[in-house]
Amino acid sequence: MINADEDDDLIQQDFDQELYEHYRITVDKGQELLRIDKFLMNRLESTSRNRIQNTALAGNVLVNQKSVKSNYRVKPGDVISVVFAHPPRDREIIPENIPINIVYEDEDLVVINKDAGLVVHPGYGNYTGTLVNAMAYHFQHLPLYQNNQPRPGLVHRLDKDTSGIMVVAKNEFAMAHLARQFYERTSRRLYVAMIWGEPKEENGTITGNLGRDVRDRKMMAVYADPSQGKHAVTHYRMLKSFGFVSMVECKLETGRTHQIRAHMKHIGHPLFNDSLYGGKQILKGTRSASYRQFIENCFELIPGQALHAKSLGFAHPTSGKEMFFDSDLPDGFAQLVDKWERFRPS
């Protein structure tokens, strides 16, 4: 089983650790025939039959690598695999009337364009004022948001200062279905970032195992040894060079914590204004006072790293229809690009 650790906006865990709960059970030789929902209720603590049934309905309960329904009868030797959306916790969620930018909504899900500076879910130092608190207020009439789950509806997340498109479930079935897509990496995510410098190759792939930096646990580092981190792959494409900084498009093959931020630093191009990964200092350019002031003015336009989740694609939980959502750069990021467009070194 993958257990989730305590949330911390600074010490964030890997997506699949925090947002998914995975069980693998081999049925005992002496097991009598029993419905799988009842079997799992007996084996898994703090798990309701309704949760199991919704998970099975979404195709997330597998026996011998094949999806089964709730009425499947387990047999000795069966290998059961279950992927739940995040495990339940006891922390109380306080509904708060926080404005959220909804770009699409139906009975199963809501797609939002998250502002930079908004923490996604409560954690150490951020128990209120988060997206989850906002969702708990806006959807308090829905059953999923009434059982005090710490991350109701969440199947993925964005860092506090990363803006962009997110999908949030409105019911247990949608949550289980979407969780499986993110867990199995069938969702499509595209980001836009401003980085220091200009990569040697206009198109490239960064592959490196990401794990906690032994010198600073707030950061992720790239390790050659797979035992020190989780496999991570980022594809990037140059969009435009401004000389001292560049705009790149990043496509995630995996979804690790701080993946783009850590991978771009690893190849020598930290994200612009990323204080955690060394991007909130002048790494390229001149030594003139006017240039230093220009950079400071640029830093003030955005709250943190210049990273925007531009688009997201996934299959709709109920219809199976391919959904795709795209977004413009937020105002501060757009102003940042405009300043670099007009920049002329003195």
Protein backbone atom coordinates (compact mmCIF):
# COMPACT_ATOMS: atom_id res chain seq x y z
CA MET A 1 0.00 0.00 0.00
CA ILE A 2 1.13 3.54 -0.68
CA ASN A 3 0.57 5.62 2.40
CA ALA A 4 0.21 9.39 2.22
CA ASP A 5 2.34 11.55 4.51
CA GLU A 6 1.33 14.74 6.26
CA ASP A 7 0.75 17.60 3.82
CA ASP A 8 3.20 20.47 3.73
CA ASP A 9 3.19 23.18 1.10
CA LEU A 10 6.97 23.24 1.31
CA ILE A 11 7.57 19.51 1.67
CA GLN A 12 5.23 18.09 -0.94
CA GLN A 13 5.15 14.41 -1.73
CA ASP A 14 5.02 12.69 -5.10
CA PHE A 15 1.62 12.85 -6.87
CA ASP A 16 0.92 9.12 -6.68
CA GLN A 17 1.88 9.03 -3.00
CA GLU A 18 -0.33 11.96 -2.01
CA LEU A 19 -3.33 11.59 -4.24
CA TYR A 20 -3.69 7.85 -4.71
CA GLU A 21 -3.97 4.86 -2.43
CA HIS A 22 -2.91 1.59 -4.03
CA TYR A 23 -3.50 -1.88 -2.59
CA ARG A 24 -2.36 -5.24 -3.93
CA ILE A 25 -3.79 -8.33 -2.25
CA THR A 26 -3.24 -12.02 -3.01
CA VAL A 27 -6.25 -14.03 -1.86
CA ASP A 28 -5.49 -16.82 0.64
CA LYS A 29 -5.74 -20.46 -0.47
CA GLY A 30 -8.51 -21.14 2.03
CA GLN A 31 -10.70 -18.19 1.05
CA GLU A 32 -14.35 -19.07 0.42
CA LEU A 33 -16.23 -17.48 -2.51
CA LEU A 34 -17.23 -13.95 -1.49
CA ARG A 35 -18.30 -10.78 -3.29
CA ILE A 36 -15.27 -8.60 -3.84
CA ASP A 37 -16.85 -5.50 -2.29
CA LYS A 38 -17.49 -7.42 0.94
CA PHE A 39 -14.04 -9.00 0.79
CA LEU A 40 -12.34 -5.61 0.47
CA MET A 41 -14.48 -4.11 3.25
CA ASN A 42 -13.17 -6.84 5.55
CA ARG A 43 -9.55 -6.37 4.46
CA LEU A 44 -9.24 -2.59 4.18
CA GLU A 45 -9.63 -0.31 7.17
CA SER A 46 -11.78 2.84 7.05
CA THR A 47 -13.18 1.99 3.63
CA SER A 48 -16.92 2.06 2.95
CA ARG A 49 -18.76 -0.32 0.65
CA ASN A 50 -20.00 2.66 -1.36
CA ARG A 51 -16.43 3.82 -1.94
CA ILE A 52 -15.41 0.35 -3.09
CA GLN A 53 -18.41 0.07 -5.42
CA ASN A 54 -17.71 3.45 -7.02
CA THR A 55 -14.07 2.50 -7.42
CA ALA A 56 -15.07 -0.76 -9.13
CA LEU A 57 -17.56 1.08 -11.34
CA ALA A 58 -14.72 3.34 -12.51
CA GLY A 59 -12.66 0.27 -13.45
CA ASN A 60 -10.18 0.69 -10.62
CA VAL A 61 -10.68 -2.75 -9.03
CA LEU A 62 -8.72 -5.36 -10.95
CA VAL A 63 -8.46 -9.11 -10.45
CA ASN A 64 -5.57 -10.78 -12.23
CA GLN A 65 -5.07 -7.53 -14.16
CA LYS A 66 -8.68 -7.33 -15.42
CA SER A 67 -11.35 -4.89 -14.19
CA VAL A 68 -14.22 -6.53 -12.31
CA LYS A 69 -17.61 -5.46 -10.98
CA SER A 70 -18.56 -5.27 -7.31
CA ASN A 71 -20.38 -8.60 -7.47
CA TYR A 72 -17.33 -10.53 -8.65
CA ARG A 73 -16.65 -13.45 -6.28
CA VAL A 74 -13.06 -13.72 -5.19
CA LYS A 75 -11.33 -17.09 -5.44
CA PRO A 76 -8.22 -18.49 -3.79
CA GLY A 77 -5.08 -17.25 -5.52
CA ASP A 78 -6.72 -14.18 -7.09
CA VAL A 79 -4.44 -11.14 -7.23
CA ILE A 80 -6.49 -8.02 -6.48
CA SER A 81 -5.29 -4.52 -7.31
CA VAL A 82 -7.22 -1.44 -6.14
CA VAL A 83 -6.52 2.23 -6.87
CA PHE A 84 -8.47 4.64 -4.70
CA ALA A 85 -8.36 8.39 -4.99
CA HIS A 86 -6.71 9.94 -1.91
CA PRO A 87 -7.05 8.11 1.42
CA PRO A 88 -9.49 9.58 3.96
CA ARG A 89 -8.12 11.61 6.86
CA ASP A 90 -9.50 13.22 9.98
CA ARG A 91 -8.56 16.86 9.41
CA GLU A 92 -11.58 19.15 9.31
CA ILE A 93 -12.13 21.22 6.17
CA ILE A 94 -13.63 24.66 6.74
CA PRO A 95 -15.73 25.87 3.77
CA GLU A 96 -14.63 29.38 2.70
CA ASN A 97 -16.18 31.73 0.16
CA ILE A 98 -13.04 32.10 -1.97
CA PRO A 99 -13.60 33.09 -5.63
CA ILE A 100 -12.54 30.44 -8.14
CA ASN A 101 -12.33 30.77 -11.91
CA ILE A 102 -14.54 28.00 -13.32
CA VAL A 103 -14.11 27.46 -17.07
CA TYR A 104 -16.32 24.36 -17.40
CA GLU A 105 -18.76 22.46 -15.18
CA ASP A 106 -21.18 19.54 -15.46
CA GLU A 107 -22.68 16.98 -13.08
CA ASP A 108 -19.42 15.04 -12.74
CA LEU A 109 -16.59 17.54 -12.72
CA VAL A 110 -15.45 21.13 -12.76
CA VAL A 111 -12.46 22.57 -14.62
CA ILE A 112 -10.83 25.63 -13.10
CA ASN A 113 -8.10 28.05 -14.05
CA LYS A 114 -6.12 28.35 -10.81
CA ASP A 115 -4.52 31.66 -9.90
CA ALA A 116 -0.86 31.77 -8.98
CA GLY A 117 -0.48 32.14 -5.22
CA LEU A 118 -3.42 29.87 -4.35
CA VAL A 119 -2.49 26.77 -2.34
CA VAL A 120 -4.36 23.71 -3.61
CA HIS A 121 -5.02 21.80 -0.38
CA PRO A 122 -4.61 22.37 3.37
CA GLY A 123 -1.27 21.52 4.88
CA TYR A 124 1.30 22.70 7.37
CA GLY A 125 1.07 26.50 7.50
CA ASN A 126 -1.91 26.59 5.12
CA TYR A 127 -4.94 25.13 6.89
CA THR A 128 -7.30 27.71 5.39
CA GLY A 129 -7.51 29.82 2.27
CA THR A 130 -6.89 26.91 -0.10
CA LEU A 131 -8.63 25.66 -3.23
CA VAL A 132 -10.07 22.77 -1.21
CA ASN A 133 -11.63 25.22 1.27
CA ALA A 134 -13.13 27.09 -1.69
CA MET A 135 -14.49 23.91 -3.28
CA ALA A 136 -15.96 22.83 0.06
CA TYR A 137 -17.94 26.08 0.10
CA HIS A 138 -19.05 26.17 -3.53
CA PHE A 139 -20.11 22.50 -3.58
CA GLN A 140 -21.21 21.95 0.02
CA HIS A 141 -24.53 20.55 -1.25
CA LEU A 142 -22.76 17.58 -2.86
CA PRO A 143 -22.19 14.34 -0.86
CA LEU A 144 -18.49 14.21 -1.76
CA TYR A 145 -17.94 17.55 -0.06
CA GLN A 146 -19.89 16.73 3.09
CA ASN A 147 -17.78 13.90 4.54
CA ASN A 148 -14.87 16.06 5.67
CA GLN A 149 -12.31 14.65 3.26
CA PRO A 150 -9.15 16.80 3.26
CA ARG A 151 -8.92 16.80 -0.54
CA PRO A 152 -12.44 16.24 -1.87
CA GLY A 153 -12.45 15.90 -5.65
CA LEU A 154 -8.70 16.34 -6.15
CA VAL A 155 -6.98 13.97 -8.55
CA HIS A 156 -3.94 16.15 -9.31
CA ARG A 157 -2.56 19.47 -8.18
CA LEU A 158 -0.40 22.45 -9.03
CA ASP A 159 2.24 24.12 -6.87
CA LYS A 160 1.12 27.23 -4.99
CA ASP A 161 2.69 29.71 -7.40
CA THR A 162 1.93 27.75 -10.57
CA SER A 163 -1.18 28.95 -12.37
CA GLY A 164 -3.37 27.10 -14.82
CA ILE A 165 -5.90 24.42 -15.68
CA MET A 166 -7.03 21.82 -13.15
CA VAL A 167 -9.90 19.32 -13.11
CA VAL A 168 -11.77 18.52 -9.89
CA ALA A 169 -14.34 15.74 -9.42
CA LYS A 170 -17.83 16.38 -8.03
CA ASN A 171 -18.73 12.81 -7.07
CA GLU A 172 -17.04 9.58 -5.98
CA PHE A 173 -17.37 7.87 -9.36
CA ALA A 174 -15.83 10.76 -11.29
CA MET A 175 -13.08 11.03 -8.70
CA ALA A 176 -12.17 7.35 -9.03
CA HIS A 177 -12.29 7.45 -12.84
CA LEU A 178 -10.16 10.58 -13.14
CA ALA A 179 -7.75 9.34 -10.48
CA ARG A 180 -7.05 6.27 -12.56
CA GLN A 181 -6.25 8.41 -15.62
CA PHE A 182 -3.72 10.47 -13.71
CA TYR A 183 -2.32 7.42 -11.94
CA GLU A 184 -1.85 5.59 -15.25
CA ARG A 185 -0.63 8.80 -16.95
CA THR A 186 -3.20 8.83 -19.73
CA SER A 187 -4.14 12.47 -19.11
CA ARG A 188 -2.40 15.08 -21.29
CA ARG A 189 -0.73 18.06 -19.63
CA LEU A 190 1.08 20.95 -21.30
CA TYR A 191 2.90 23.76 -19.48
CA VAL A 192 4.53 27.03 -20.51
CA ALA A 193 7.57 28.30 -18.60
CA MET A 194 10.10 31.09 -18.75
CA ILE A 195 13.62 29.88 -18.02
CA TRP A 196 17.00 31.49 -17.60
CA GLY A 197 19.25 31.15 -20.64
CA GLU A 198 18.71 29.30 -23.89
CA PRO A 199 18.90 25.49 -24.19
CA LYS A 200 21.44 24.17 -26.68
CA GLU A 201 18.74 22.07 -28.34
CA GLU A 202 15.42 23.63 -29.36
CA ASN A 203 13.63 20.37 -28.60
CA GLY A 204 14.73 17.94 -25.93
CA THR A 205 13.83 15.32 -23.37
CA ILE A 206 14.98 15.40 -19.76
CA THR A 207 15.04 12.02 -18.04
CA GLY A 208 16.09 11.78 -14.42
CA ASN A 209 14.96 10.10 -11.23
CA LEU A 210 13.48 12.67 -8.86
CA GLY A 211 13.88 12.36 -5.10
CA ARG A 212 14.28 14.58 -2.05
CA ASP A 213 17.46 16.63 -2.10
CA VAL A 214 19.61 15.32 0.77
CA ARG A 215 20.82 18.87 1.49
CA ASP A 216 17.40 20.53 1.44
CA ARG A 217 14.23 18.46 1.91
CA LYS A 218 12.10 21.25 0.46
CA MET A 219 13.62 20.57 -2.95
CA MET A 220 13.68 17.71 -5.42
CA ALA A 221 16.94 16.57 -6.99
CA VAL A 222 17.83 14.39 -9.99
CA TYR A 223 19.60 11.12 -9.23
CA ALA A 224 21.15 8.54 -11.55
CA ASP A 225 20.37 5.76 -9.08
CA PRO A 226 16.70 4.67 -9.45
CA SER A 227 16.61 3.70 -5.78
CA GLN A 228 17.08 7.37 -4.81
CA GLY A 229 14.13 8.72 -6.75
CA LYS A 230 11.19 8.05 -9.03
CA HIS A 231 11.44 7.84 -12.81
CA ALA A 232 10.53 11.20 -14.39
CA VAL A 233 10.45 12.38 -18.00
CA THR A 234 9.89 15.94 -19.26
CA HIS A 235 9.77 16.87 -22.96
CA TYR A 236 10.44 20.53 -23.78
CA ARG A 237 10.20 22.66 -26.92
CA MET A 238 11.61 26.14 -27.41
CA LEU A 239 8.91 28.73 -28.09
CA LYS A 240 10.98 31.91 -28.14
CA SER A 241 14.37 33.18 -27.03
CA PHE A 242 14.80 36.63 -25.52
CA GLY A 243 18.58 36.26 -25.24
CA PHE A 244 18.98 36.08 -21.48
CA VAL A 245 15.75 34.16 -20.90
CA SER A 246 13.61 31.83 -23.04
CA MET A 247 10.02 30.65 -23.25
CA VAL A 248 9.59 26.88 -23.43
CA GLU A 249 6.68 24.48 -23.67
CA CYS A 250 6.88 21.43 -21.39
CA LYS A 251 4.99 18.18 -21.83
CA LEU A 252 4.92 15.82 -18.87
CA GLU A 253 5.29 12.11 -19.41
CA THR A 254 5.23 11.60 -15.64
CA GLY A 255 3.81 13.80 -12.88
CA ARG A 256 6.34 14.15 -10.09
CA THR A 257 6.50 16.87 -7.47
CA HIS A 258 8.32 19.97 -8.82
CA GLN A 259 9.17 17.95 -11.94
CA ILE A 260 9.57 20.82 -14.42
CA ARG A 261 11.27 23.06 -11.86
CA ALA A 262 13.80 20.39 -10.84
CA HIS A 263 14.42 19.09 -14.37
CA MET A 264 15.04 22.55 -15.84
CA LYS A 265 17.46 23.38 -13.06
CA HIS A 266 19.20 20.05 -13.69
CA ILE A 267 20.03 21.08 -17.27
CA GLY A 268 21.20 24.51 -16.15
CA HIS A 269 18.07 26.56 -16.89
CA PRO A 270 16.11 27.29 -13.68
CA LEU A 271 12.67 28.80 -14.01
CA PHE A 272 12.63 32.58 -13.90
CA ASN A 273 11.79 33.89 -10.40
CA ASP A 274 11.90 30.40 -8.83
CA SER A 275 13.40 31.15 -5.41
CA LEU A 276 13.53 27.49 -4.36
CA TYR A 277 15.50 26.33 -7.38
CA GLY A 278 17.83 29.31 -7.83
CA GLY A 279 15.86 31.30 -10.37
CA LYS A 280 15.26 34.43 -8.28
CA GLN A 281 18.65 35.92 -9.05
CA ILE A 282 20.36 37.25 -12.15
CA LEU A 283 21.82 34.23 -13.93
CA LYS A 284 22.23 35.77 -17.39
CA GLY A 285 22.69 39.33 -18.62
CA THR A 286 24.70 42.45 -17.93
CA ARG A 287 26.04 43.99 -14.72
CA SER A 288 24.49 47.40 -15.25
CA ALA A 289 22.30 48.99 -12.60
CA SER A 290 19.54 49.51 -15.15
CA TYR A 291 19.49 45.80 -15.99
CA ARG A 292 19.34 44.84 -12.30
CA GLN A 293 16.38 47.18 -11.87
CA PHE A 294 14.72 45.70 -14.95
CA ILE A 295 15.00 42.20 -13.51
CA GLU A 296 13.64 43.32 -10.13
CA ASN A 297 10.67 44.89 -11.90
CA CYS A 298 10.11 41.60 -13.74
CA PHE A 299 10.25 39.60 -10.52
CA GLU A 300 7.53 41.79 -9.02
CA LEU A 301 5.06 40.89 -11.77
CA ILE A 302 4.59 37.29 -10.63
CA PRO A 303 4.48 35.77 -7.11
CA GLY A 304 6.88 32.91 -7.85
CA GLN A 305 8.18 30.69 -10.62
CA ALA A 306 7.14 31.58 -14.18
CA LEU A 307 5.16 28.40 -14.82
CA HIS A 308 1.64 28.03 -16.20
CA ALA A 309 -0.38 24.84 -16.76
CA LYS A 310 -1.66 25.89 -20.17
CA SER A 311 -3.76 22.91 -21.20
CA LEU A 312 -5.22 19.65 -19.94
CA GLY A 313 -6.83 16.72 -21.72
CA PHE A 314 -8.64 13.69 -20.27
CA ALA A 315 -11.52 11.30 -20.95
CA HIS A 316 -14.85 12.29 -19.42
CA PRO A 317 -15.75 9.84 -16.60
CA THR A 318 -19.33 9.25 -17.76
CA SER A 319 -19.42 9.78 -21.53
CA GLY A 320 -15.87 8.69 -22.31
CA LYS A 321 -15.59 11.75 -24.58
CA GLU A 322 -12.13 13.28 -24.92
CA MET A 323 -12.11 16.65 -23.16
CA PHE A 324 -9.51 19.34 -23.80
CA PHE A 325 -9.09 22.72 -22.13
CA ASP A 326 -6.66 25.48 -22.99
CA SER A 327 -5.89 28.78 -21.27
CA ASP A 328 -4.13 32.09 -21.84
CA LEU A 329 -1.21 33.23 -19.73
CA PRO A 330 -2.38 35.08 -16.59
CA ASP A 331 -1.98 38.86 -16.59
CA GLY A 332 1.26 39.00 -14.59
CA PHE A 333 2.93 36.33 -16.73
CA ALA A 334 1.72 38.02 -19.93
CA GLN A 335 3.12 41.35 -18.72
CA LEU A 336 6.42 39.60 -17.97
CA VAL A 337 6.60 38.30 -21.54
CA ASP A 338 5.74 41.74 -22.88
CA LYS A 339 8.54 43.37 -20.88
CA TRP A 340 11.07 40.93 -22.33
CA GLU A 341 9.65 41.46 -25.81
CA ARG A 342 10.38 45.19 -25.46
CA PHE A 343 13.68 44.79 -23.59
CA ARG A 344 16.74 46.33 -25.18
CA PRO A 345 20.08 45.86 -23.36
CA SER A 346 21.73 49.16 -22.50
